[in-house]
Every structure is written in C-alpha cells, then in structure tokens.
Amino acid sequence: MGLYDGYTARRRPVKLMWSDEFPDYQQAFDSERQIKGWSHKKKQALLNGDFDLLHELAQSKEMQQRRQNKKSRSR
C-alpha cells in the first residue's frame, strides 16, 4: 500500500486529523516530532483550533500557578 510497512500499516484505516504546510521537509519533520511529544490535552486543543488553550497548556506549571494567583488577587 505505502512505501514503508510501519506503525500505521497495521492500524488502518487512518484518519487525517490535522495538517499544515511547511516550506521544507525538515521543518515539517521537526513540527511532527514536537507535536508527538505533546500531551493529549495540547493535541486536542490543536485539533479544536483552541489556540488560547494551547498557549495556556504550553506554559510551565509555575507560570500557570502565577497566573492563577494573579487572577485570585484581582477579584
């Protein structure tokens, strides 16, 4: 079926959930590797187009806690 009998060959059918265009192969490859390392929540935010949540999830735990404390004090 494909050029390489890899991971997805045994898990057909495969459904494309997200795609983007990149100027060259290396940038596409690097982006794929980065996304593979993301948490399920971050991947779900990307699929849903929720870039605010994606940005929030990308913050360190320490930064998230600081923002939460800042919101609590401003109320």
PDB file of N, CA and C in Angstrom:
ATOM      1  N   MET A   1       0.829  -1.193   0.000  1.00  0.00           N
ATOM      2  CA  MET A   1       0.000   0.000   0.000  1.00  0.00           C
ATOM      3  C   MET A   1       0.870   1.252   0.000  1.00  0.00           C
ATOM      4  N   GLY A   2       1.800   1.372   0.955  1.00  0.00           N
ATOM      5  CA  GLY A   2       2.675   2.530   1.008  1.00  0.00           C
ATOM      6  C   GLY A   2       4.112   2.133   0.750  1.00  0.00           C
ATOM      7  N   LEU A   3       4.993   3.087   0.903  1.00  0.00           N
ATOM      8  CA  LEU A   3       6.406   2.813   0.703  1.00  0.00           C
ATOM      9  C   LEU A   3       7.034   2.102   1.885  1.00  0.00           C
ATOM     10  N   TYR A   4       6.428   2.252   3.068  1.00  0.00           N
ATOM     11  CA  TYR A   4       7.022   1.709   4.278  1.00  0.00           C
ATOM     12  C   TYR A   4       5.951   0.991   5.082  1.00  0.00           C
ATOM     13  N   ASP A   5       6.222  -0.225   5.460  1.00  0.00           N
ATOM     14  CA  ASP A   5       5.277  -1.008   6.248  1.00  0.00           C
ATOM     15  C   ASP A   5       5.504  -0.709   7.719  1.00  0.00           C
ATOM     16  N   GLY A   6       5.083   0.471   8.149  1.00  0.00           N
ATOM     17  CA  GLY A   6       5.365   0.941   9.503  1.00  0.00           C
ATOM     18  C   GLY A   6       4.185   0.814  10.438  1.00  0.00           C
ATOM     19  N   TYR A   7       4.190   1.653  11.446  1.00  0.00           N
ATOM     20  CA  TYR A   7       3.226   1.625  12.544  1.00  0.00           C
ATOM     21  C   TYR A   7       1.780   1.667  12.048  1.00  0.00           C
ATOM     22  N   THR A   8       1.460   2.583  11.159  1.00  0.00           N
ATOM     23  CA  THR A   8       0.063   2.756  10.745  1.00  0.00           C
ATOM     24  C   THR A   8      -0.400   1.694   9.758  1.00  0.00           C
ATOM     25  N   ALA A   9       0.521   0.968   9.136  1.00  0.00           N
ATOM     26  CA  ALA A   9       0.130  -0.064   8.171  1.00  0.00           C
ATOM     27  C   ALA A   9      -0.753  -1.123   8.828  1.00  0.00           C
ATOM     28  N   ARG A  10      -0.531  -1.401  10.093  1.00  0.00           N
ATOM     29  CA  ARG A  10      -1.316  -2.408  10.812  1.00  0.00           C
ATOM     30  C   ARG A  10      -2.530  -1.794  11.511  1.00  0.00           C
ATOM     31  N   ARG A  11      -2.762  -0.521  11.364  1.00  0.00           N
ATOM     32  CA  ARG A  11      -3.843   0.154  12.075  1.00  0.00           C
ATOM     33  C   ARG A  11      -4.746   0.939  11.125  1.00  0.00           C
ATOM     34  N   ARG A  12      -5.042   0.355  10.005  1.00  0.00           N
ATOM     35  CA  ARG A  12      -5.870   1.035   9.022  1.00  0.00           C
ATOM     36  C   ARG A  12      -7.342   0.886   9.387  1.00  0.00           C
ATOM     37  N   PRO A  13      -8.225   1.762   8.998  1.00  0.00           N
ATOM     38  CA  PRO A  13      -7.923   2.980   8.245  1.00  0.00           C
ATOM     39  C   PRO A  13      -7.384   4.078   9.164  1.00  0.00           C
ATOM     40  N   VAL A  14      -6.579   4.933   8.609  1.00  0.00           N
ATOM     41  CA  VAL A  14      -6.003   6.061   9.325  1.00  0.00           C
ATOM     42  C   VAL A  14      -6.768   7.309   8.907  1.00  0.00           C
ATOM     43  N   LYS A  15      -7.147   8.121   9.866  1.00  0.00           N
ATOM     44  CA  LYS A  15      -7.919   9.330   9.587  1.00  0.00           C
ATOM     45  C   LYS A  15      -7.040  10.555   9.828  1.00  0.00           C
ATOM     46  N   LEU A  16      -6.918  11.413   8.817  1.00  0.00           N
ATOM     47  CA  LEU A  16      -6.152  12.646   8.957  1.00  0.00           C
ATOM     48  C   LEU A  16      -6.930  13.617   9.827  1.00  0.00           C
ATOM     49  N   MET A  17      -6.308  14.054  10.916  1.00  0.00           N
ATOM     50  CA  MET A  17      -6.983  14.925  11.872  1.00  0.00           C
ATOM     51  C   MET A  17      -6.527  16.379  11.774  1.00  0.00           C
ATOM     52  N   TRP A  18      -5.312  16.601  11.305  1.00  0.00           N
ATOM     53  CA  TRP A  18      -4.760  17.956  11.243  1.00  0.00           C
ATOM     54  C   TRP A  18      -3.660  17.985  10.198  1.00  0.00           C
ATOM     55  N   SER A  19      -3.524  19.087   9.516  1.00  0.00           N
ATOM     56  CA  SER A  19      -2.414  19.246   8.572  1.00  0.00           C
ATOM     57  C   SER A  19      -2.031  20.716   8.490  1.00  0.00           C
ATOM     58  N   ASP A  20      -0.843  20.941   8.030  1.00  0.00           N
ATOM     59  CA  ASP A  20      -0.329  22.296   7.844  1.00  0.00           C
ATOM     60  C   ASP A  20       0.702  22.234   6.726  1.00  0.00           C
ATOM     61  N   GLU A  21       1.050  23.368   6.178  1.00  0.00           N
ATOM     62  CA  GLU A  21       2.062  23.424   5.133  1.00  0.00           C
ATOM     63  C   GLU A  21       3.343  24.003   5.710  1.00  0.00           C
ATOM     64  N   PHE A  22       4.461  23.484   5.242  1.00  0.00           N
ATOM     65  CA  PHE A  22       5.772  23.929   5.687  1.00  0.00           C
ATOM     66  C   PHE A  22       6.642  24.197   4.469  1.00  0.00           C
ATOM     67  N   PRO A  23       7.571  25.145   4.590  1.00  0.00           N
ATOM     68  CA  PRO A  23       8.403  25.496   3.442  1.00  0.00           C
ATOM     69  C   PRO A  23       9.370  24.387   3.013  1.00  0.00           C
ATOM     70  N   ASP A  24       9.705  23.478   3.945  1.00  0.00           N
ATOM     71  CA  ASP A  24      10.609  22.397   3.565  1.00  0.00           C
ATOM     72  C   ASP A  24      10.367  21.176   4.444  1.00  0.00           C
ATOM     73  N   TYR A  25      10.939  20.075   4.014  1.00  0.00           N
ATOM     74  CA  TYR A  25      10.755  18.796   4.697  1.00  0.00           C
ATOM     75  C   TYR A  25      11.229  18.862   6.150  1.00  0.00           C
ATOM     76  N   GLN A  26      12.358  19.460   6.404  1.00  0.00           N
ATOM     77  CA  GLN A  26      12.930  19.464   7.753  1.00  0.00           C
ATOM     78  C   GLN A  26      12.023  20.168   8.750  1.00  0.00           C
ATOM     79  N   GLN A  27      11.427  21.293   8.352  1.00  0.00           N
ATOM     80  CA  GLN A  27      10.514  21.992   9.254  1.00  0.00           C
ATOM     81  C   GLN A  27       9.262  21.157   9.521  1.00  0.00           C
ATOM     82  N   ALA A  28       8.763  20.461   8.503  1.00  0.00           N
ATOM     83  CA  ALA A  28       7.598  19.588   8.681  1.00  0.00           C
ATOM     84  C   ALA A  28       7.944  18.446   9.636  1.00  0.00           C
ATOM     85  N   PHE A  29       9.104  17.842   9.439  1.00  0.00           N
ATOM     86  CA  PHE A  29       9.553  16.743  10.286  1.00  0.00           C
ATOM     87  C   PHE A  29       9.719  17.200  11.728  1.00  0.00           C
ATOM     88  N   ASP A  30      10.364  18.352  11.925  1.00  0.00           N
ATOM     89  CA  ASP A  30      10.573  18.892  13.270  1.00  0.00           C
ATOM     90  C   ASP A  30       9.246  19.185  13.968  1.00  0.00           C
ATOM     91  N   SER A  31       8.289  19.725  13.219  1.00  0.00           N
ATOM     92  CA  SER A  31       6.970  20.030  13.778  1.00  0.00           C
ATOM     93  C   SER A  31       6.257  18.739  14.194  1.00  0.00           C
ATOM     94  N   GLU A  32       6.336  17.716  13.355  1.00  0.00           N
ATOM     95  CA  GLU A  32       5.704  16.439  13.680  1.00  0.00           C
ATOM     96  C   GLU A  32       6.320  15.838  14.945  1.00  0.00           C
ATOM     97  N   ARG A  33       7.613  15.884  15.070  1.00  0.00           N
ATOM     98  CA  ARG A  33       8.296  15.357  16.258  1.00  0.00           C
ATOM     99  C   ARG A  33       7.879  16.130  17.508  1.00  0.00           C
ATOM    100  N   GLN A  34       7.759  17.460  17.373  1.00  0.00           N
ATOM    101  CA  GLN A  34       7.357  18.286  18.516  1.00  0.00           C
ATOM    102  C   GLN A  34       5.947  17.917  18.968  1.00  0.00           C
ATOM    103  N   ILE A  35       5.020  17.827  18.027  1.00  0.00           N
ATOM    104  CA  ILE A  35       3.622  17.526  18.348  1.00  0.00           C
ATOM    105  C   ILE A  35       3.492  16.126  18.940  1.00  0.00           C
ATOM    106  N   LYS A  36       4.270  15.181  18.464  1.00  0.00           N
ATOM    107  CA  LYS A  36       4.221  13.814  19.022  1.00  0.00           C
ATOM    108  C   LYS A  36       4.574  13.806  20.498  1.00  0.00           C
ATOM    109  N   GLY A  37       5.374  14.754  20.950  1.00  0.00           N
ATOM    110  CA  GLY A  37       5.750  14.828  22.356  1.00  0.00           C
ATOM    111  C   GLY A  37       4.759  15.562  23.241  1.00  0.00           C
ATOM    112  N   TRP A  38       3.742  16.143  22.651  1.00  0.00           N
ATOM    113  CA  TRP A  38       2.757  16.905  23.408  1.00  0.00           C
ATOM    114  C   TRP A  38       1.822  15.992  24.195  1.00  0.00           C
ATOM    115  N   SER A  39       1.208  16.581  25.217  1.00  0.00           N
ATOM    116  CA  SER A  39       0.183  15.868  25.981  1.00  0.00           C
ATOM    117  C   SER A  39      -1.080  15.734  25.124  1.00  0.00           C
ATOM    118  N   HIS A  40      -1.945  14.829  25.551  1.00  0.00           N
ATOM    119  CA  HIS A  40      -3.223  14.641  24.846  1.00  0.00           C
ATOM    120  C   HIS A  40      -4.038  15.937  24.841  1.00  0.00           C
ATOM    121  N   LYS A  41      -4.014  16.661  25.969  1.00  0.00           N
ATOM    122  CA  LYS A  41      -4.782  17.916  26.052  1.00  0.00           C
ATOM    123  C   LYS A  41      -4.288  18.940  25.033  1.00  0.00           C
ATOM    124  N   LYS A  42      -2.970  19.051  24.874  1.00  0.00           N
ATOM    125  CA  LYS A  42      -2.424  20.005  23.909  1.00  0.00           C
ATOM    126  C   LYS A  42      -2.795  19.601  22.486  1.00  0.00           C
ATOM    127  N   LYS A  43      -2.715  18.320  22.180  1.00  0.00           N
ATOM    128  CA  LYS A  43      -3.093  17.840  20.843  1.00  0.00           C
ATOM    129  C   LYS A  43      -4.568  18.113  20.576  1.00  0.00           C
ATOM    130  N   GLN A  44      -5.414  17.893  21.581  1.00  0.00           N
ATOM    131  CA  GLN A  44      -6.847  18.136  21.430  1.00  0.00           C
ATOM    132  C   GLN A  44      -7.117  19.616  21.187  1.00  0.00           C
ATOM    133  N   ALA A  45      -6.411  20.485  21.885  1.00  0.00           N
ATOM    134  CA  ALA A  45      -6.577  21.931  21.684  1.00  0.00           C
ATOM    135  C   ALA A  45      -6.180  22.311  20.257  1.00  0.00           C
ATOM    136  N   LEU A  46      -5.114  21.721  19.734  1.00  0.00           N
ATOM    137  CA  LEU A  46      -4.692  21.979  18.348  1.00  0.00           C
ATOM    138  C   LEU A  46      -5.770  21.530  17.376  1.00  0.00           C
ATOM    139  N   LEU A  47      -6.301  20.320  17.571  1.00  0.00           N
ATOM    140  CA  LEU A  47      -7.341  19.795  16.680  1.00  0.00           C
ATOM    141  C   LEU A  47      -8.599  20.648  16.715  1.00  0.00           C
ATOM    142  N   ASN A  48      -8.910  21.205  17.887  1.00  0.00           N
ATOM    143  CA  ASN A  48     -10.111  22.036  18.038  1.00  0.00           C
ATOM    144  C   ASN A  48      -9.881  23.482  17.617  1.00  0.00           C
ATOM    145  N   GLY A  49      -8.633  23.824  17.299  1.00  0.00           N
ATOM    146  CA  GLY A  49      -8.328  25.202  16.923  1.00  0.00           C
ATOM    147  C   GLY A  49      -8.377  26.151  18.106  1.00  0.00           C
ATOM    148  N   ASP A  50      -8.271  25.629  19.312  1.00  0.00           N
ATOM    149  CA  ASP A  50      -8.333  26.438  20.525  1.00  0.00           C
ATOM    150  C   ASP A  50      -6.911  26.896  20.889  1.00  0.00           C
ATOM    151  N   PHE A  51      -6.455  27.930  20.218  1.00  0.00           N
ATOM    152  CA  PHE A  51      -5.073  28.377  20.374  1.00  0.00           C
ATOM    153  C   PHE A  51      -4.840  29.083  21.706  1.00  0.00           C
ATOM    154  N   ASP A  52      -5.883  29.640  22.305  1.00  0.00           N
ATOM    155  CA  ASP A  52      -5.739  30.216  23.651  1.00  0.00           C
ATOM    156  C   ASP A  52      -5.430  29.116  24.662  1.00  0.00           C
ATOM    157  N   LEU A  53      -6.185  28.018  24.592  1.00  0.00           N
ATOM    158  CA  LEU A  53      -5.933  26.894  25.489  1.00  0.00           C
ATOM    159  C   LEU A  53      -4.573  26.272  25.195  1.00  0.00           C
ATOM    160  N   LEU A  54      -4.229  26.152  23.935  1.00  0.00           N
ATOM    161  CA  LEU A  54      -2.931  25.597  23.560  1.00  0.00           C
ATOM    162  C   LEU A  54      -1.804  26.426  24.157  1.00  0.00           C
ATOM    163  N   HIS A  55      -1.934  27.737  24.081  1.00  0.00           N
ATOM    164  CA  HIS A  55      -0.926  28.630  24.661  1.00  0.00           C
ATOM    165  C   HIS A  55      -0.862  28.450  26.178  1.00  0.00           C
ATOM    166  N   GLU A  56      -2.028  28.345  26.803  1.00  0.00           N
ATOM    167  CA  GLU A  56      -2.077  28.161  28.257  1.00  0.00           C
ATOM    168  C   GLU A  56      -1.421  26.833  28.664  1.00  0.00           C
ATOM    169  N   LEU A  57      -1.699  25.783  27.918  1.00  0.00           N
ATOM    170  CA  LEU A  57      -1.125  24.472  28.224  1.00  0.00           C
ATOM    171  C   LEU A  57       0.380  24.429  27.974  1.00  0.00           C
ATOM    172  N   ALA A  58       0.858  25.309  27.129  1.00  0.00           N
ATOM    173  CA  ALA A  58       2.290  25.352  26.819  1.00  0.00           C
ATOM    174  C   ALA A  58       3.092  26.018  27.937  1.00  0.00           C
ATOM    175  N   GLN A  59       2.413  26.739  28.816  1.00  0.00           N
ATOM    176  CA  GLN A  59       3.091  27.412  29.913  1.00  0.00           C
ATOM    177  C   GLN A  59       3.562  26.386  30.942  1.00  0.00           C
ATOM    178  N   SER A  60       4.632  26.703  31.619  1.00  0.00           N
ATOM    179  CA  SER A  60       5.118  25.826  32.679  1.00  0.00           C
ATOM    180  C   SER A  60       4.103  25.811  33.821  1.00  0.00           C
ATOM    181  N   LYS A  61       4.174  24.787  34.646  1.00  0.00           N
ATOM    182  CA  LYS A  61       3.269  24.688  35.807  1.00  0.00           C
ATOM    183  C   LYS A  61       3.434  25.902  36.720  1.00  0.00           C
ATOM    184  N   GLU A  62       4.684  26.353  36.873  1.00  0.00           N
ATOM    185  CA  GLU A  62       4.951  27.512  37.716  1.00  0.00           C
ATOM    186  C   GLU A  62       4.261  28.759  37.156  1.00  0.00           C
ATOM    187  N   MET A  63       4.346  28.951  35.842  1.00  0.00           N
ATOM    188  CA  MET A  63       3.726  30.117  35.217  1.00  0.00           C
ATOM    189  C   MET A  63       2.205  30.030  35.320  1.00  0.00           C
ATOM    190  N   GLN A  64       1.646  28.845  35.167  1.00  0.00           N
ATOM    191  CA  GLN A  64       0.198  28.678  35.299  1.00  0.00           C
ATOM    192  C   GLN A  64      -0.250  29.031  36.710  1.00  0.00           C
ATOM    193  N   GLN A  65       0.523  28.617  37.696  1.00  0.00           N
ATOM    194  CA  GLN A  65       0.174  28.911  39.089  1.00  0.00           C
ATOM    195  C   GLN A  65       0.255  30.416  39.354  1.00  0.00           C
ATOM    196  N   ARG A  66       1.277  31.067  38.820  1.00  0.00           N
ATOM    197  CA  ARG A  66       1.388  32.525  38.993  1.00  0.00           C
ATOM    198  C   ARG A  66       0.182  33.241  38.413  1.00  0.00           C
ATOM    199  N   ARG A  67      -0.229  32.833  37.209  1.00  0.00           N
ATOM    200  CA  ARG A  67      -1.392  33.469  36.577  1.00  0.00           C
ATOM    201  C   ARG A  67      -2.648  33.232  37.389  1.00  0.00           C
ATOM    202  N   GLN A  68      -2.816  32.019  37.915  1.00  0.00           N
ATOM    203  CA  GLN A  68      -3.990  31.704  38.734  1.00  0.00           C
ATOM    204  C   GLN A  68      -4.002  32.551  39.996  1.00  0.00           C
ATOM    205  N   ASN A  69      -2.833  32.704  40.640  1.00  0.00           N
ATOM    206  CA  ASN A  69      -2.752  33.524  41.843  1.00  0.00           C
ATOM    207  C   ASN A  69      -3.041  34.989  41.527  1.00  0.00           C
ATOM    208  N   LYS A  70      -2.563  35.440  40.404  1.00  0.00           N
ATOM    209  CA  LYS A  70      -2.808  36.833  39.992  1.00  0.00           C
ATOM    210  C   LYS A  70      -4.302  37.076  39.777  1.00  0.00           C
ATOM    211  N   LYS A  71      -4.988  36.113  39.150  1.00  0.00           N
ATOM    212  CA  LYS A  71      -6.424  36.235  38.939  1.00  0.00           C
ATOM    213  C   LYS A  71      -7.182  36.231  40.259  1.00  0.00           C
ATOM    214  N   SER A  72      -6.739  35.388  41.192  1.00  0.00           N
ATOM    215  CA  SER A  72      -7.399  35.299  42.501  1.00  0.00           C
ATOM    216  C   SER A  72      -7.283  36.605  43.269  1.00  0.00           C
ATOM    217  N   ARG A  73      -6.120  37.247  43.204  1.00  0.00           N
ATOM    218  CA  ARG A  73      -5.911  38.501  43.932  1.00  0.00           C
ATOM    219  C   ARG A  73      -6.675  39.661  43.322  1.00  0.00           C
ATOM    220  N   SER A  74      -6.931  39.622  42.026  1.00  0.00           N
ATOM    221  CA  SER A  74      -7.599  40.752  41.369  1.00  0.00           C
ATOM    222  C   SER A  74      -9.112  40.711  41.548  1.00  0.00           C
ATOM    223  N   ARG A  75      -9.649  39.653  42.130  1.00  0.00           N
ATOM    224  CA  ARG A  75     -11.112  39.544  42.325  1.00  0.00           C
ATOM    225  C   ARG A  75     -11.580  40.225  43.545  1.00  0.00           C
TER     226      ARG A  75
END
